[in-house]
Amino acid sequence: MPLATIGKPRYISLRTFRKTGVAVDTPVWVAADGGKLYVMTTLATGKAKRIRNNPQVEVCVCDMRGRTKGEWIRAQARIAESPEEVAAGLARVVRKYGWQFRLSRLRGNHDNETNLEISDPA
């Protein structure tokens, strides 16, 4: 099933895989654009580390607590490499979440911030 069928959900559960093959599900904010999904994170997060080791992921629409609402879709993820890609991903998320995103920025460290681009498998 292609990613375009997921629509423009408020949250997705992002399933990444440890080196052992164990799946780890994480509910995240997501912005959809051009048949791809964009998720903000930092390079030190577990999901970013797991994607560096294995770009194969699965996504499913979910609520803010991670309770899934539909079918899992296979995809691949990559970590944005250039500052321009990071800025473009950030702009997509800010446009979608507005004041909520700005409020979330008041807490936490945003060093090494990046975005994940999730697309249909090659």
C-alpha atoms as a PDB file:
ATOM      1  CA  MET A   1       0.000   0.000   0.000  1.00  0.00           C
ATOM      2  CA  PRO A   2       1.536   3.382  -0.981  1.00  0.00           C
ATOM      3  CA  LEU A   3       2.143   6.113   1.588  1.00  0.00           C
ATOM      4  CA  ALA A   4      -0.196   8.479  -0.267  1.00  0.00           C
ATOM      5  CA  THR A   5      -3.121   6.411   1.057  1.00  0.00           C
ATOM      6  CA  ILE A   6      -2.304   7.510   4.606  1.00  0.00           C
ATOM      7  CA  GLY A   7      -3.622  11.027   3.919  1.00  0.00           C
ATOM      8  CA  LYS A   8      -2.576  13.854   6.252  1.00  0.00           C
ATOM      9  CA  PRO A   9      -2.863  12.406   9.749  1.00  0.00           C
ATOM     10  CA  ARG A  10      -2.135  14.386  12.907  1.00  0.00           C
ATOM     11  CA  TYR A  11      -0.009  11.549  14.334  1.00  0.00           C
ATOM     12  CA  ILE A  12       1.609   8.399  13.027  1.00  0.00           C
ATOM     13  CA  SER A  13       3.211   5.529  14.830  1.00  0.00           C
ATOM     14  CA  LEU A  14       6.707   5.145  13.390  1.00  0.00           C
ATOM     15  CA  ARG A  15       7.999   1.591  13.680  1.00  0.00           C
ATOM     16  CA  THR A  16      11.775   1.296  13.513  1.00  0.00           C
ATOM     17  CA  PHE A  17      13.855  -1.810  14.056  1.00  0.00           C
ATOM     18  CA  ARG A  18      16.727  -2.546  16.412  1.00  0.00           C
ATOM     19  CA  LYS A  19      19.767  -4.462  15.189  1.00  0.00           C
ATOM     20  CA  THR A  20      18.215  -7.564  16.755  1.00  0.00           C
ATOM     21  CA  GLY A  21      15.089  -7.114  14.610  1.00  0.00           C
ATOM     22  CA  VAL A  22      12.887  -6.063  17.534  1.00  0.00           C
ATOM     23  CA  ALA A  23      10.357  -3.416  16.473  1.00  0.00           C
ATOM     24  CA  VAL A  24      10.056  -0.122  18.371  1.00  0.00           C
ATOM     25  CA  ASP A  25       6.895   1.960  17.841  1.00  0.00           C
ATOM     26  CA  THR A  26       6.978   5.705  18.491  1.00  0.00           C
ATOM     27  CA  PRO A  27       4.021   8.088  18.056  1.00  0.00           C
ATOM     28  CA  VAL A  28       5.198  11.257  16.285  1.00  0.00           C
ATOM     29  CA  TRP A  29       3.877  14.418  14.679  1.00  0.00           C
ATOM     30  CA  VAL A  30       4.017  14.194  10.921  1.00  0.00           C
ATOM     31  CA  ALA A  31       3.672  16.498   7.940  1.00  0.00           C
ATOM     32  CA  ALA A  32       2.747  15.015   4.551  1.00  0.00           C
ATOM     33  CA  ASP A  33       3.921  16.616   1.318  1.00  0.00           C
ATOM     34  CA  GLY A  34       4.316  15.236  -2.193  1.00  0.00           C
ATOM     35  CA  GLY A  35       3.622  11.626  -1.222  1.00  0.00           C
ATOM     36  CA  LYS A  36       6.275  11.706   1.509  1.00  0.00           C
ATOM     37  CA  LEU A  37       6.060  12.120   5.272  1.00  0.00           C
ATOM     38  CA  TYR A  38       8.313  14.360   7.375  1.00  0.00           C
ATOM     39  CA  VAL A  39       9.085  13.917  11.070  1.00  0.00           C
ATOM     40  CA  MET A  40      11.258  16.214  13.207  1.00  0.00           C
ATOM     41  CA  THR A  41      13.740  14.650  15.608  1.00  0.00           C
ATOM     42  CA  THR A  42      17.315  15.026  16.805  1.00  0.00           C
ATOM     43  CA  LEU A  43      20.266  12.926  15.717  1.00  0.00           C
ATOM     44  CA  ALA A  44      20.684  11.480  19.230  1.00  0.00           C
ATOM     45  CA  THR A  45      17.219   9.892  19.437  1.00  0.00           C
ATOM     46  CA  GLY A  46      16.769   6.150  19.349  1.00  0.00           C
ATOM     47  CA  LYS A  47      14.658   6.321  16.187  1.00  0.00           C
ATOM     48  CA  ALA A  48      17.402   8.219  14.333  1.00  0.00           C
ATOM     49  CA  LYS A  49      20.021   5.709  15.474  1.00  0.00           C
ATOM     50  CA  ARG A  50      17.855   2.789  14.396  1.00  0.00           C
ATOM     51  CA  ILE A  51      17.172   4.367  10.989  1.00  0.00           C
ATOM     52  CA  ARG A  52      20.909   4.849  10.428  1.00  0.00           C
ATOM     53  CA  ASN A  53      21.295   1.085  10.926  1.00  0.00           C
ATOM     54  CA  ASN A  54      18.161   0.061   9.019  1.00  0.00           C
ATOM     55  CA  PRO A  55      16.160   2.513   6.862  1.00  0.00           C
ATOM     56  CA  GLN A  56      13.213   0.085   6.552  1.00  0.00           C
ATOM     57  CA  VAL A  57      10.303   1.371   8.650  1.00  0.00           C
ATOM     58  CA  GLU A  58       6.557   0.931   8.959  1.00  0.00           C
ATOM     59  CA  VAL A  59       3.981   3.639   9.649  1.00  0.00           C
ATOM     60  CA  CYS A  60       0.390   3.599  10.834  1.00  0.00           C
ATOM     61  CA  VAL A  61      -2.046   6.389  11.661  1.00  0.00           C
ATOM     62  CA  CYS A  62      -2.450   6.664  15.428  1.00  0.00           C
ATOM     63  CA  ASP A  63      -3.664   8.928  18.210  1.00  0.00           C
ATOM     64  CA  MET A  64      -1.366  10.969  20.455  1.00  0.00           C
ATOM     65  CA  ARG A  65      -0.851   7.994  22.764  1.00  0.00           C
ATOM     66  CA  GLY A  66       0.202   5.693  19.939  1.00  0.00           C
ATOM     67  CA  ARG A  67      -3.011   3.672  19.651  1.00  0.00           C
ATOM     68  CA  THR A  68      -3.063   2.659  15.998  1.00  0.00           C
ATOM     69  CA  LYS A  69      -6.029   3.286  13.708  1.00  0.00           C
ATOM     70  CA  GLY A  70      -5.554   1.261  10.574  1.00  0.00           C
ATOM     71  CA  GLU A  71      -3.053  -0.803   8.679  1.00  0.00           C
ATOM     72  CA  TRP A  72       0.717  -0.639   8.881  1.00  0.00           C
ATOM     73  CA  ILE A  73       2.413   0.560   5.704  1.00  0.00           C
ATOM     74  CA  ARG A  74       5.964  -0.424   4.790  1.00  0.00           C
ATOM     75  CA  ALA A  75       8.235   2.458   3.916  1.00  0.00           C
ATOM     76  CA  GLN A  76      11.816   3.628   4.056  1.00  0.00           C
ATOM     77  CA  ALA A  77      13.242   6.535   5.977  1.00  0.00           C
ATOM     78  CA  ARG A  78      16.271   8.681   5.558  1.00  0.00           C
ATOM     79  CA  ILE A  79      17.801  11.368   7.711  1.00  0.00           C
ATOM     80  CA  ALA A  80      18.046  14.827   6.151  1.00  0.00           C
ATOM     81  CA  GLU A  81      21.655  15.648   5.381  1.00  0.00           C
ATOM     82  CA  SER A  82      21.785  19.309   4.425  1.00  0.00           C
ATOM     83  CA  PRO A  83      20.728  22.392   6.403  1.00  0.00           C
ATOM     84  CA  GLU A  84      18.321  23.226   3.561  1.00  0.00           C
ATOM     85  CA  GLU A  85      16.565  19.857   3.908  1.00  0.00           C
ATOM     86  CA  VAL A  86      16.307  20.285   7.672  1.00  0.00           C
ATOM     87  CA  ALA A  87      14.877  23.800   7.274  1.00  0.00           C
ATOM     88  CA  ALA A  88      12.327  22.609   4.690  1.00  0.00           C
ATOM     89  CA  GLY A  89      11.202  19.745   6.948  1.00  0.00           C
ATOM     90  CA  LEU A  90      10.932  22.082   9.926  1.00  0.00           C
ATOM     91  CA  ALA A  91       8.847  24.540   7.884  1.00  0.00           C
ATOM     92  CA  ARG A  92       6.386  21.769   6.960  1.00  0.00           C
ATOM     93  CA  VAL A  93       5.913  20.761  10.600  1.00  0.00           C
ATOM     94  CA  VAL A  94       5.613  24.378  11.809  1.00  0.00           C
ATOM     95  CA  ARG A  95       2.991  25.100   9.129  1.00  0.00           C
ATOM     96  CA  LYS A  96       0.936  22.128  10.255  1.00  0.00           C
ATOM     97  CA  TYR A  97       1.235  22.382  14.049  1.00  0.00           C
ATOM     98  CA  GLY A  98       1.722  26.150  14.482  1.00  0.00           C
ATOM     99  CA  TRP A  99       1.407  27.280  18.107  1.00  0.00           C
ATOM    100  CA  GLN A 100       1.620  23.700  19.410  1.00  0.00           C
ATOM    101  CA  PHE A 101       5.000  23.236  17.759  1.00  0.00           C
ATOM    102  CA  ARG A 102       6.273  26.575  19.072  1.00  0.00           C
ATOM    103  CA  LEU A 103       5.092  25.660  22.575  1.00  0.00           C
ATOM    104  CA  SER A 104       6.892  22.303  22.367  1.00  0.00           C
ATOM    105  CA  ARG A 105      10.107  24.148  21.505  1.00  0.00           C
ATOM    106  CA  LEU A 106      10.144  25.824  24.928  1.00  0.00           C
ATOM    107  CA  ARG A 107      11.269  22.589  26.515  1.00  0.00           C
ATOM    108  CA  GLY A 108      14.112  20.384  25.530  1.00  0.00           C
ATOM    109  CA  ASN A 109      17.368  20.682  23.682  1.00  0.00           C
ATOM    110  CA  HIS A 110      17.188  21.247  19.936  1.00  0.00           C
ATOM    111  CA  ASP A 111      20.869  20.757  19.115  1.00  0.00           C
ATOM    112  CA  ASN A 112      21.502  18.466  16.173  1.00  0.00           C
ATOM    113  CA  GLU A 113      17.889  18.756  15.078  1.00  0.00           C
ATOM    114  CA  THR A 114      17.028  17.065  11.806  1.00  0.00           C
ATOM    115  CA  ASN A 115      14.085  15.596  10.028  1.00  0.00           C
ATOM    116  CA  LEU A 116      13.253  12.176   8.728  1.00  0.00           C
ATOM    117  CA  GLU A 117      11.922  11.820   5.220  1.00  0.00           C
ATOM    118  CA  ILE A 118       9.706   8.771   4.893  1.00  0.00           C
ATOM    119  CA  SER A 119       8.884   7.483   1.425  1.00  0.00           C
ATOM    120  CA  ASP A 120       7.563   4.418  -0.337  1.00  0.00           C
ATOM    121  CA  PRO A 121      10.089   1.563  -0.511  1.00  0.00           C
ATOM    122  CA  ALA A 122      12.385   1.572  -3.541  1.00  0.00           C
END
